[in-house]
Amino acid sequence: MATVTASLLATGSAQAAADPGLDLRNFELQPISNQAELHDRVSKLNADLPNVGVNSILKVAPREGTWSNSVCNGAATEGSTVPEGFSRSFCFEDADNGDANSEWWPQGVTTVADADADQTWGDPETGWNPADHKPMMVTWYNKDDWNKDKKPDDTDVDGLNTERKGVRVSFIDSSTGKYAHVLLVYPFINSSGNASYMSVRTSQHYSTSQKQYGSLHAGGMVWYGYYLYVADTNRGFRVFDLRNIIDLGALPADQWGTSKTAIGRQNGVYHAHGYRYILPQSDGWTNTACDTVEPPPGTPCDMQDEEKTCEATDVTPKTSFASLDRSAAVRHITTGEWCDRAQATDAFRTGRVIRWPMNDSGGTPALDANGNWAADSAYRVPFNPAYEDNGGIQGAAVIDGTYYLSQSRGALNGKVIVARPDTSTGRLVETATRRTSAIGVEDFSVWPGSPDRLWTVTEHPGQRMLFSVTP
C-alpha cells in the first residue's frame, strides 16, 4: 500500500498549532487487532455458504421504489418547498417509508460513482448491461426497542433476547427502482466450532455474561472498489468486502431460516432476521484508543454511539458520516462529527471534519510508514453567530476544495452549508447563504458529472426520500 508523504501532512500540522482539537497526531486509525481472526471467520462462512454479486441481487430485487424528477414525497419538505438545486428523487415502498413504529431508519448514502471512476459495476451479460443499472446504496440502523414495549421480542445468537438487529444496506437500481436489503453481520465461531454471525452492534459481545449493546448507527458509508467503509461512531470504520455477500436463499429450504426473530447458525439452520442476503464484516479501522470491536467492558470504546459527546477539548474524533472525494489529486474519504445543535453554544462545539487519504486503486487507504491511516487535514465546522443553529451536521462532501455540509434541523427543512477552509484558524468559513434542503437530511455522497450531484436521504418515518441536488 502507498504511504503518505510529509508534504501531504504539512498543511494540517500547521493549522493544528492554535487548536489542540485539530492536532493531526490524534487523527490516526490503525487496523483492528482481530483482523486475522475476522478473515478466517469470513473464509469459513464462504466455504459453508453460497456467495452472490451486486448485479445478481439487483436482477431479482423483490422491492420496487419510485424515481421522480420532482419531490416524490411531499412530506419530506415543509409545505410545498423544494430543496435548492433539486435534481431527482427516489421513494421507497410504503413499508420502508415507515410510520410511528418504524423499526429501521436510513442514514448513509453511497453509489457506484464512489466505487469506480467509470460509474458502472460488473461486466455485461446477456440481457444485462451494467451501464443501465447503476447501483446506489443506503444504510439503515435498527431502532432498538422501536415499539417501546420493553419486551424481548427477538432471539439473537447471544441468548440475550434482543431487538438489536444491527444494520442493513439497501442495494438500489438507479434505473428500475428495484431494490433489496442486505443485512450486515459480524462473524464469530460458535460453541460447536462452526462459523456463525450476529448483528452489527456498537460492541460485538455474544456472551450472556456481558451487557447488551445497541445497533451500530452506520451514519455514513463509502463504497470504494470492492469495499464498503461503514462509519463506526466511536472507532472509525467497519469494512465489508462485496465479494463476500452470501445468499441464504440459495441454500436448501430446510437450511434457510426465514424467521424475523432469529439470526446466525442455529441447529444447522441459517437465520438473518428474515433477510435473504448477508454481508459479514471482514476488516476494520479504529482510533488508537480502540483496537477492537470486542473490547472488555469499561475500555475507552465500550460505549453506545450516543454516549460520546462533543467537547471543545475532544481529542479522539467521532465518525458520524463519510463521503468520497474524487476531485482532488489524492482521493480522500471525508468524515465528520455530528454534534447536537443544543451543544453548539460556542465555536468549539460544532464538530470537526477530517480528511483521510486513499490509494487510487485497490479500494484501500493510503497508509503511513507505520501501517496506520493518518488524516492529512482536519477543520472545525462553521460557527456563524448570524444563525441561531450551528452544528447538527449529518454529512459532509468535498468538491474541488469546497465543503458541502448537510445540516438537520428537527422538524424543519435542513440546510446545505457551503464553506472553504481557513488554514490560519483551522475552521471552515461559510462562503454562501445556507441553502434550503429537506426534513431530516442525513449523509452526503458525490456523483461526479456535468453537473456534479450531491445525494442524501431523509430519515424520519413517513417523510423518507433519497434525492440529489446540484451543488
Protein backbone atom coordinates (compact mmCIF):
# COMPACT_ATOMS: atom_id res chain seq x y z
CA MET A 1 0.00 0.00 0.00
CA ALA A 2 1.11 3.56 -0.67
CA THR A 3 2.42 5.73 2.13
CA VAL A 4 1.50 9.31 2.92
CA THR A 5 4.34 11.74 2.33
CA ALA A 6 5.31 14.55 4.68
CA SER A 7 4.15 17.13 2.16
CA LEU A 8 0.58 15.89 2.43
CA LEU A 9 0.63 16.45 6.17
CA ALA A 10 2.22 19.88 6.21
CA THR A 11 -0.93 22.00 5.90
CA GLY A 12 -2.83 20.12 8.57
CA SER A 13 0.09 20.19 11.00
CA ALA A 14 0.39 23.96 10.69
CA GLN A 15 -3.27 24.58 11.34
CA ALA A 16 -3.21 22.41 14.48
CA ALA A 17 -0.83 24.69 16.37
CA ALA A 18 -3.55 27.11 17.53
CA ASP A 19 -6.19 24.48 18.30
CA PRO A 20 -5.27 21.29 20.20
CA GLY A 21 -8.53 19.72 18.99
CA LEU A 22 -7.11 19.76 15.46
CA ASP A 23 -3.72 18.21 16.24
CA LEU A 24 -3.32 15.63 13.47
CA ARG A 25 -1.45 13.29 15.78
CA ASN A 26 -4.87 12.49 17.24
CA PHE A 27 -6.39 11.68 13.85
CA GLU A 28 -4.93 8.28 13.14
CA LEU A 29 -6.59 4.94 12.53
CA GLN A 30 -5.00 1.52 12.89
CA PRO A 31 -6.11 -1.93 11.71
CA ILE A 32 -8.35 -3.69 14.22
CA SER A 33 -6.42 -6.13 16.37
CA ASN A 34 -8.51 -9.18 15.42
CA GLN A 35 -8.16 -8.63 11.67
CA ALA A 36 -6.69 -12.11 11.01
CA GLU A 37 -9.46 -13.76 13.03
CA LEU A 38 -12.15 -11.93 11.04
CA HIS A 39 -10.57 -13.00 7.76
CA ASP A 40 -10.56 -16.61 8.94
CA ARG A 41 -14.17 -16.50 10.11
CA VAL A 42 -15.34 -14.99 6.82
CA SER A 43 -13.41 -17.64 4.87
CA LYS A 44 -15.22 -20.33 6.84
CA LEU A 45 -18.60 -18.73 6.13
CA ASN A 46 -17.77 -18.54 2.41
CA ALA A 47 -16.80 -22.22 2.44
CA ASP A 48 -20.13 -23.17 4.01
CA LEU A 49 -22.49 -20.79 2.21
CA PRO A 50 -23.16 -19.60 -1.38
CA ASN A 51 -21.90 -16.18 -2.49
CA VAL A 52 -23.65 -13.72 -4.79
CA GLY A 53 -22.73 -10.46 -6.55
CA VAL A 54 -24.29 -7.00 -6.53
CA ASN A 55 -25.80 -7.25 -10.01
CA SER A 56 -27.25 -10.68 -9.31
CA ILE A 57 -29.08 -9.18 -6.36
CA LEU A 58 -30.43 -6.29 -8.43
CA LYS A 59 -31.72 -8.68 -11.10
CA VAL A 60 -34.10 -10.36 -8.65
CA ALA A 61 -34.60 -7.49 -6.17
CA PRO A 62 -38.04 -8.03 -4.57
CA ARG A 63 -38.86 -4.40 -3.73
CA GLU A 64 -39.57 -1.53 -6.09
CA GLY A 65 -39.42 2.17 -5.31
CA THR A 66 -40.32 5.18 -7.43
CA TRP A 67 -37.97 7.51 -9.29
CA SER A 68 -39.15 11.04 -9.99
CA ASN A 69 -37.89 14.30 -11.45
CA SER A 70 -39.88 16.11 -8.75
CA VAL A 71 -40.15 15.69 -4.96
CA CYS A 72 -41.60 12.17 -4.72
CA ASN A 73 -42.62 12.52 -1.04
CA GLY A 74 -44.31 15.82 -0.24
CA ALA A 75 -43.98 15.10 3.49
CA ALA A 76 -40.19 15.25 3.18
CA THR A 77 -40.20 19.06 2.96
CA GLU A 78 -42.02 21.87 4.72
CA GLY A 79 -45.17 22.86 2.84
CA SER A 80 -44.52 22.90 -0.88
CA THR A 81 -40.86 23.85 -0.63
CA VAL A 82 -38.32 22.18 -2.91
CA PRO A 83 -34.66 21.71 -1.95
CA GLU A 84 -32.48 24.31 -3.65
CA GLY A 85 -30.79 22.88 -6.73
CA PHE A 86 -33.11 19.87 -6.67
CA SER A 87 -32.46 17.27 -9.38
CA ARG A 88 -34.04 13.84 -8.81
CA SER A 89 -35.67 11.78 -6.08
CA PHE A 90 -36.41 8.19 -5.12
CA CYS A 91 -39.12 6.98 -2.75
CA PHE A 92 -39.07 3.60 -1.03
CA GLU A 93 -42.02 1.24 -0.80
CA ASP A 94 -44.60 2.22 1.82
CA ALA A 95 -43.32 -0.34 4.32
CA ASP A 96 -39.85 1.21 4.20
CA ASN A 97 -41.13 4.78 4.14
CA GLY A 98 -42.24 3.94 7.65
CA ASP A 99 -44.68 5.04 10.33
CA ALA A 100 -44.65 5.77 14.07
CA ASN A 101 -43.44 2.22 14.75
CA SER A 102 -40.62 2.21 12.21
CA GLU A 103 -38.00 -0.36 13.08
CA TRP A 104 -35.35 0.74 10.53
CA TRP A 105 -34.00 4.29 9.98
CA PRO A 106 -31.98 5.30 6.87
CA GLN A 107 -28.63 7.06 7.34
CA GLY A 108 -25.68 6.67 4.97
CA VAL A 109 -25.55 7.02 1.18
CA THR A 110 -23.01 5.84 -1.39
CA THR A 111 -23.14 4.98 -5.08
CA VAL A 112 -21.27 3.20 -7.83
CA ALA A 113 -19.79 6.63 -8.69
CA ASP A 114 -17.80 6.27 -5.45
CA ALA A 115 -16.89 2.67 -6.21
CA ASP A 116 -15.45 3.08 -9.70
CA ALA A 117 -14.42 6.02 -11.86
CA ASP A 118 -16.43 4.67 -14.82
CA GLN A 119 -19.57 4.65 -12.62
CA THR A 120 -20.56 1.11 -13.58
CA TRP A 121 -20.25 -2.21 -11.77
CA GLY A 122 -19.51 -5.56 -13.36
CA ASP A 123 -19.37 -6.85 -16.91
CA PRO A 124 -22.19 -7.02 -19.48
CA GLU A 125 -24.15 -10.25 -19.65
CA THR A 126 -26.92 -11.47 -21.90
CA GLY A 127 -29.89 -9.24 -21.13
CA TRP A 128 -27.97 -7.15 -18.60
CA ASN A 129 -25.88 -4.07 -19.33
CA PRO A 130 -24.35 -2.66 -16.11
CA ALA A 131 -24.39 0.83 -17.64
CA ASP A 132 -28.20 0.65 -17.49
CA HIS A 133 -28.30 -0.50 -13.86
CA LYS A 134 -26.01 1.73 -11.81
CA PRO A 135 -26.25 0.69 -8.13
CA MET A 136 -26.83 3.01 -5.19
CA MET A 137 -26.74 2.05 -1.51
CA VAL A 138 -28.34 3.30 1.70
CA THR A 139 -27.56 2.17 5.25
CA TRP A 140 -30.32 1.70 7.82
CA TYR A 141 -29.83 1.13 11.54
CA ASN A 142 -32.27 -0.81 13.69
CA LYS A 143 -34.15 1.46 16.09
CA ASP A 144 -33.66 -0.70 19.17
CA ASP A 145 -36.92 -1.31 21.03
CA TRP A 146 -38.62 0.65 18.28
CA ASN A 147 -42.11 -0.08 19.62
CA LYS A 148 -41.12 0.96 23.16
CA ASP A 149 -42.77 -2.12 24.64
CA LYS A 150 -39.65 -3.05 26.65
CA LYS A 151 -40.26 -6.68 25.73
CA PRO A 152 -37.56 -9.09 24.50
CA ASP A 153 -39.28 -9.84 21.20
CA ASP A 154 -36.34 -11.27 19.27
CA THR A 155 -33.92 -14.13 19.93
CA ASP A 156 -30.31 -13.44 18.99
CA VAL A 157 -27.32 -15.76 18.91
CA ASP A 158 -26.07 -14.49 22.25
CA GLY A 159 -29.18 -15.71 24.04
CA LEU A 160 -29.95 -12.25 25.38
CA ASN A 161 -33.33 -11.91 23.65
CA THR A 162 -32.68 -8.64 21.90
CA GLU A 163 -34.26 -6.44 19.28
CA ARG A 164 -30.85 -5.22 18.17
CA LYS A 165 -30.88 -6.22 14.53
CA GLY A 166 -27.93 -4.01 13.66
CA VAL A 167 -27.51 -2.57 10.18
CA ARG A 168 -28.92 -3.32 6.76
CA VAL A 169 -27.95 -1.86 3.38
CA SER A 170 -30.39 -1.23 0.53
CA PHE A 171 -28.97 -2.09 -2.90
CA ILE A 172 -30.92 0.13 -5.32
CA ASP A 173 -31.08 0.03 -9.12
CA SER A 174 -30.86 3.69 -10.18
CA SER A 175 -32.81 2.93 -13.38
CA THR A 176 -35.59 0.49 -12.48
CA GLY A 177 -36.08 1.48 -8.83
CA LYS A 178 -35.90 -2.16 -7.75
CA TYR A 179 -34.03 -2.76 -4.53
CA ALA A 180 -33.14 -5.38 -1.94
CA HIS A 181 -31.95 -5.21 1.67
CA VAL A 182 -28.68 -6.88 2.70
CA LEU A 183 -28.08 -7.45 6.42
CA LEU A 184 -24.59 -6.62 7.67
CA VAL A 185 -23.32 -9.18 10.17
CA TYR A 186 -20.37 -9.78 12.46
CA PRO A 187 -18.83 -13.28 12.17
CA PHE A 188 -17.74 -15.44 15.08
CA ILE A 189 -17.11 -19.10 15.86
CA ASN A 190 -19.90 -20.64 17.93
CA SER A 191 -19.60 -23.12 20.80
CA SER A 192 -19.79 -26.02 18.33
CA GLY A 193 -16.80 -24.72 16.39
CA ASN A 194 -18.88 -23.58 13.42
CA ALA A 195 -18.75 -20.22 11.71
CA SER A 196 -21.78 -18.12 12.63
CA TYR A 197 -22.68 -14.44 12.80
CA MET A 198 -24.56 -11.87 14.84
CA SER A 199 -25.98 -8.40 14.23
CA VAL A 200 -23.61 -5.44 13.89
CA ARG A 201 -23.56 -3.56 17.20
CA THR A 202 -21.63 -0.81 18.92
CA SER A 203 -19.58 -3.55 20.60
CA GLN A 204 -19.59 -7.16 19.45
CA HIS A 205 -20.25 -9.27 22.52
CA TYR A 206 -22.06 -12.58 22.22
CA SER A 207 -21.65 -13.85 25.75
CA THR A 208 -24.57 -13.87 28.17
CA SER A 209 -22.20 -12.53 30.83
CA GLN A 210 -21.81 -9.22 29.01
CA LYS A 211 -24.17 -6.26 28.78
CA GLN A 212 -26.25 -5.73 25.66
CA TYR A 213 -25.06 -3.25 23.06
CA GLY A 214 -27.17 -1.24 20.66
CA SER A 215 -27.23 -1.44 16.89
CA LEU A 216 -24.39 0.38 15.17
CA HIS A 217 -25.67 3.73 13.91
CA ALA A 218 -23.93 3.45 10.49
CA GLY A 219 -24.36 7.17 9.87
CA GLY A 220 -22.23 7.15 6.75
CA MET A 221 -20.82 4.76 4.16
CA VAL A 222 -18.35 4.84 1.28
CA TRP A 223 -18.22 2.21 -1.46
CA TYR A 224 -14.70 2.21 -2.86
CA GLY A 225 -13.57 -0.65 -5.08
CA TYR A 226 -14.90 -3.87 -3.59
CA TYR A 227 -15.12 -2.41 -0.11
CA LEU A 228 -17.83 -0.77 1.94
CA TYR A 229 -16.45 1.55 4.62
CA VAL A 230 -19.26 1.86 7.18
CA ALA A 231 -18.97 4.57 9.83
CA ASP A 232 -18.43 3.29 13.38
CA THR A 233 -19.13 6.33 15.52
CA ASN A 234 -16.72 5.60 18.35
CA ARG A 235 -13.93 3.90 16.39
CA GLY A 236 -13.61 4.70 12.71
CA PHE A 237 -14.81 2.19 10.12
CA ARG A 238 -16.17 -1.31 9.81
CA VAL A 239 -15.13 -2.76 6.43
CA PHE A 240 -17.15 -5.19 4.31
CA ASP A 241 -15.90 -6.85 1.11
CA LEU A 242 -18.63 -7.15 -1.54
CA ARG A 243 -17.07 -10.39 -2.76
CA ASN A 244 -18.33 -11.94 0.50
CA ILE A 245 -22.08 -11.34 0.07
CA ILE A 246 -23.95 -14.53 0.99
CA ASP A 247 -27.27 -15.65 -0.47
CA LEU A 248 -29.12 -17.69 2.14
CA GLY A 249 -31.97 -18.11 -0.34
CA ALA A 250 -29.72 -20.35 -2.45
CA LEU A 251 -29.50 -22.89 0.38
CA PRO A 252 -31.77 -25.93 0.58
CA ALA A 253 -35.11 -24.84 2.02
CA ASP A 254 -34.52 -26.61 5.34
CA GLN A 255 -31.27 -24.68 5.92
CA TRP A 256 -32.57 -21.13 5.45
CA GLY A 257 -34.49 -19.83 8.43
CA THR A 258 -36.83 -17.00 7.44
CA SER A 259 -37.92 -16.03 10.95
CA LYS A 260 -37.55 -12.31 11.65
CA THR A 261 -36.72 -13.04 15.27
CA ALA A 262 -33.51 -15.04 14.87
CA ILE A 263 -30.01 -14.62 13.47
CA GLY A 264 -26.94 -16.80 12.97
CA ARG A 265 -26.41 -20.52 12.61
CA GLN A 266 -28.76 -22.37 14.94
CA ASN A 267 -29.07 -26.18 14.77
CA GLY A 268 -27.76 -26.22 11.22
CA VAL A 269 -30.22 -23.54 10.03
CA TYR A 270 -29.04 -20.08 8.98
CA HIS A 271 -31.13 -17.12 10.11
CA ALA A 272 -30.84 -13.39 9.26
CA HIS A 273 -33.89 -11.70 10.80
CA GLY A 274 -35.88 -12.74 7.75
CA TYR A 275 -33.43 -11.35 5.18
CA ARG A 276 -32.12 -13.39 2.27
CA TYR A 277 -28.73 -11.71 1.92
CA ILE A 278 -25.99 -11.14 4.49
CA LEU A 279 -22.58 -9.46 4.28
CA PRO A 280 -20.05 -10.27 7.02
CA GLN A 281 -17.54 -7.77 8.35
CA SER A 282 -14.06 -8.69 7.18
CA ASP A 283 -11.91 -5.80 8.38
CA GLY A 284 -11.92 -2.51 10.26
CA TRP A 285 -10.04 0.68 11.12
CA THR A 286 -10.11 2.07 14.60
CA ASN A 287 -8.86 5.00 16.66
CA THR A 288 -5.68 4.11 18.51
CA ALA A 289 -7.62 4.09 21.79
CA CYS A 290 -10.00 1.41 20.47
CA ASP A 291 -8.15 -1.51 18.95
CA THR A 292 -11.03 -3.99 18.73
CA VAL A 293 -14.78 -4.23 18.32
CA GLU A 294 -14.82 -6.87 21.07
CA PRO A 295 -13.49 -4.72 23.97
CA PRO A 296 -13.69 -5.76 27.63
CA PRO A 297 -16.31 -3.72 29.50
CA GLY A 298 -15.01 -0.40 30.74
CA THR A 299 -12.46 0.23 27.99
CA PRO A 300 -12.49 3.54 26.05
CA CYS A 301 -14.75 2.28 23.29
CA ASP A 302 -17.05 0.20 25.48
CA MET A 303 -19.94 2.60 24.97
CA GLN A 304 -23.05 3.23 22.93
CA ASP A 305 -22.92 5.61 19.98
CA GLU A 306 -24.92 8.26 21.79
CA GLU A 307 -22.65 8.25 24.86
CA LYS A 308 -19.81 10.11 23.14
CA THR A 309 -20.24 13.88 23.45
CA CYS A 310 -18.79 16.88 21.61
CA GLU A 311 -16.49 18.90 23.83
CA ALA A 312 -14.04 21.67 22.99
CA THR A 313 -11.24 19.52 24.37
CA ASP A 314 -12.15 16.36 22.45
CA VAL A 315 -9.14 14.54 21.06
CA THR A 316 -10.37 11.27 19.55
CA PRO A 317 -12.83 12.07 16.74
CA LYS A 318 -16.25 10.61 16.17
CA THR A 319 -17.00 9.11 12.76
CA SER A 320 -20.62 10.12 12.27
CA PHE A 321 -20.70 10.28 8.46
CA ALA A 322 -18.47 9.73 5.42
CA SER A 323 -18.12 10.53 1.72
CA LEU A 324 -15.55 10.08 -1.04
CA ASP A 325 -13.79 12.94 -2.80
CA ARG A 326 -12.55 12.03 -6.29
CA SER A 327 -11.93 15.66 -7.32
CA ALA A 328 -8.55 16.13 -5.59
CA ALA A 329 -5.14 14.95 -6.83
CA VAL A 330 -5.22 12.45 -3.95
CA ARG A 331 -8.57 10.79 -3.32
CA HIS A 332 -9.92 11.14 0.20
CA ILE A 333 -12.65 9.90 2.44
CA THR A 334 -14.12 12.85 4.32
CA THR A 335 -15.59 12.11 7.73
CA GLY A 336 -17.07 14.28 10.42
CA GLU A 337 -18.84 14.57 13.74
CA TRP A 338 -22.49 15.05 14.45
CA CYS A 339 -22.86 17.36 17.43
CA ASP A 340 -26.26 18.28 18.82
CA ARG A 341 -27.23 21.84 17.93
CA ALA A 342 -28.12 22.40 21.60
CA GLN A 343 -24.43 21.89 22.45
CA ALA A 344 -23.23 24.41 19.89
CA THR A 345 -23.09 27.30 22.36
CA ASP A 346 -19.53 28.19 21.46
CA ALA A 347 -17.34 27.94 18.40
CA PHE A 348 -15.57 24.79 19.56
CA ARG A 349 -18.61 22.54 19.98
CA THR A 350 -19.97 22.32 16.47
CA GLY A 351 -17.89 19.30 15.46
CA ARG A 352 -15.00 18.64 13.10
CA VAL A 353 -14.48 17.29 9.58
CA ILE A 354 -11.45 15.13 8.78
CA ARG A 355 -9.78 14.05 5.53
CA TRP A 356 -8.33 10.55 5.11
CA PRO A 357 -6.16 9.82 2.01
CA MET A 358 -6.96 6.83 -0.20
CA ASN A 359 -5.00 4.91 -2.80
CA ASP A 360 -6.12 5.46 -6.39
CA SER A 361 -6.64 1.74 -6.92
CA GLY A 362 -7.46 -1.31 -4.84
CA GLY A 363 -10.08 0.41 -2.72
CA THR A 364 -7.64 0.77 0.17
CA PRO A 365 -6.38 3.55 2.47
CA ALA A 366 -3.05 5.28 1.82
CA LEU A 367 -1.02 4.30 4.86
CA ASP A 368 1.92 5.93 6.62
CA ALA A 369 5.28 4.26 7.26
CA ASN A 370 3.89 2.61 10.40
CA GLY A 371 0.98 0.98 8.59
CA ASN A 372 -1.53 3.41 10.08
CA TRP A 373 -4.13 5.50 8.27
CA ALA A 374 -3.32 9.12 9.15
CA ALA A 375 -5.55 12.08 8.35
CA ASP A 376 -3.87 14.90 6.44
CA SER A 377 -6.30 17.70 7.42
CA ALA A 378 -9.00 18.47 9.97
CA TYR A 379 -11.20 21.54 10.39
CA ARG A 380 -13.84 22.85 12.75
CA VAL A 381 -17.39 23.01 11.42
CA PRO A 382 -18.51 26.62 10.78
CA PHE A 383 -19.84 28.63 13.69
CA ASN A 384 -21.86 31.55 12.39
CA PRO A 385 -23.41 33.85 15.04
CA ALA A 386 -25.80 35.17 12.38
CA TYR A 387 -27.69 31.88 12.70
CA GLU A 388 -29.44 30.56 15.78
CA ASP A 389 -28.46 26.99 14.94
CA ASN A 390 -24.93 25.75 14.39
CA GLY A 391 -23.71 22.16 14.46
CA GLY A 392 -26.24 19.40 13.75
CA ILE A 393 -24.14 18.24 10.78
CA GLN A 394 -25.19 14.86 9.38
CA GLY A 395 -23.00 14.70 6.27
CA ALA A 396 -20.07 16.34 4.51
CA ALA A 397 -18.77 16.20 0.95
CA VAL A 398 -15.89 17.95 -0.79
CA ILE A 399 -15.72 19.00 -4.45
CA ASP A 400 -12.67 20.88 -5.72
CA GLY A 401 -11.82 22.09 -2.23
CA THR A 402 -15.30 23.37 -1.35
CA TYR A 403 -17.05 21.69 1.57
CA TYR A 404 -20.79 20.96 1.50
CA LEU A 405 -22.30 20.17 4.90
CA SER A 406 -25.71 18.56 5.41
CA GLN A 407 -27.41 20.09 8.46
CA SER A 408 -30.55 18.61 10.01
CA ARG A 409 -32.94 20.88 11.92
CA GLY A 410 -35.52 18.63 13.56
CA ALA A 411 -38.98 19.04 12.00
CA LEU A 412 -37.77 21.97 9.86
CA ASN A 413 -36.14 21.83 6.47
CA GLY A 414 -32.47 21.12 6.79
CA LYS A 415 -29.74 23.25 5.26
CA VAL A 416 -26.75 22.82 2.98
CA ILE A 417 -23.81 24.82 4.33
CA VAL A 418 -21.14 25.78 1.78
CA ALA A 419 -17.67 26.57 3.15
CA ARG A 420 -13.96 26.72 2.41
CA PRO A 421 -11.06 26.03 4.79
CA ASP A 422 -9.22 28.83 6.59
CA THR A 423 -5.92 27.17 7.43
CA SER A 424 -4.88 30.06 9.67
CA THR A 425 -7.70 29.27 12.11
CA GLY A 426 -8.41 25.64 11.30
CA ARG A 427 -12.06 26.43 10.67
CA LEU A 428 -14.35 26.10 7.70
CA VAL A 429 -15.71 29.52 6.72
CA GLU A 430 -19.08 29.88 5.02
CA THR A 431 -18.93 31.29 1.51
CA ALA A 432 -22.65 31.43 0.64
CA THR A 433 -26.07 31.77 2.20
CA ARG A 434 -27.27 28.49 3.70
CA ARG A 435 -29.40 26.60 1.20
CA THR A 436 -32.78 25.03 1.92
CA SER A 437 -32.79 21.23 1.93
CA ALA A 438 -35.36 18.69 3.21
CA ILE A 439 -36.53 17.50 6.64
CA GLY A 440 -34.24 15.05 8.43
CA VAL A 441 -31.40 15.09 5.89
CA GLU A 442 -28.50 12.75 6.52
CA ASP A 443 -25.23 11.69 4.89
CA PHE A 444 -23.86 13.13 1.59
CA SER A 445 -22.43 11.32 -1.42
CA VAL A 446 -20.99 12.97 -4.54
CA TRP A 447 -21.87 11.74 -8.03
CA PRO A 448 -19.30 13.46 -10.30
CA GLY A 449 -20.56 14.64 -13.66
CA SER A 450 -21.66 17.65 -15.67
CA PRO A 451 -23.03 18.89 -13.39
CA ASP A 452 -21.98 17.15 -10.18
CA ARG A 453 -24.75 15.85 -7.91
CA LEU A 454 -24.97 15.60 -4.15
CA TRP A 455 -27.10 12.68 -2.93
CA THR A 456 -28.64 12.46 0.53
CA VAL A 457 -31.51 10.66 2.28
CA THR A 458 -34.11 11.83 4.81
CA GLU A 459 -34.61 9.68 7.88
CA HIS A 460 -37.94 10.46 9.57
CA PRO A 461 -40.75 7.88 9.24
CA GLY A 462 -43.31 8.78 6.60
CA GLN A 463 -41.02 11.54 5.30
CA ARG A 464 -38.31 9.47 3.65
CA MET A 465 -36.77 10.30 0.32
CA LEU A 466 -33.44 9.72 -1.40
CA PHE A 467 -32.67 12.76 -3.55
CA SER A 468 -29.97 14.75 -5.29
CA VAL A 469 -29.18 18.43 -5.68
CA THR A 470 -26.74 20.36 -7.83
CA PRO A 471 -24.10 21.87 -5.51
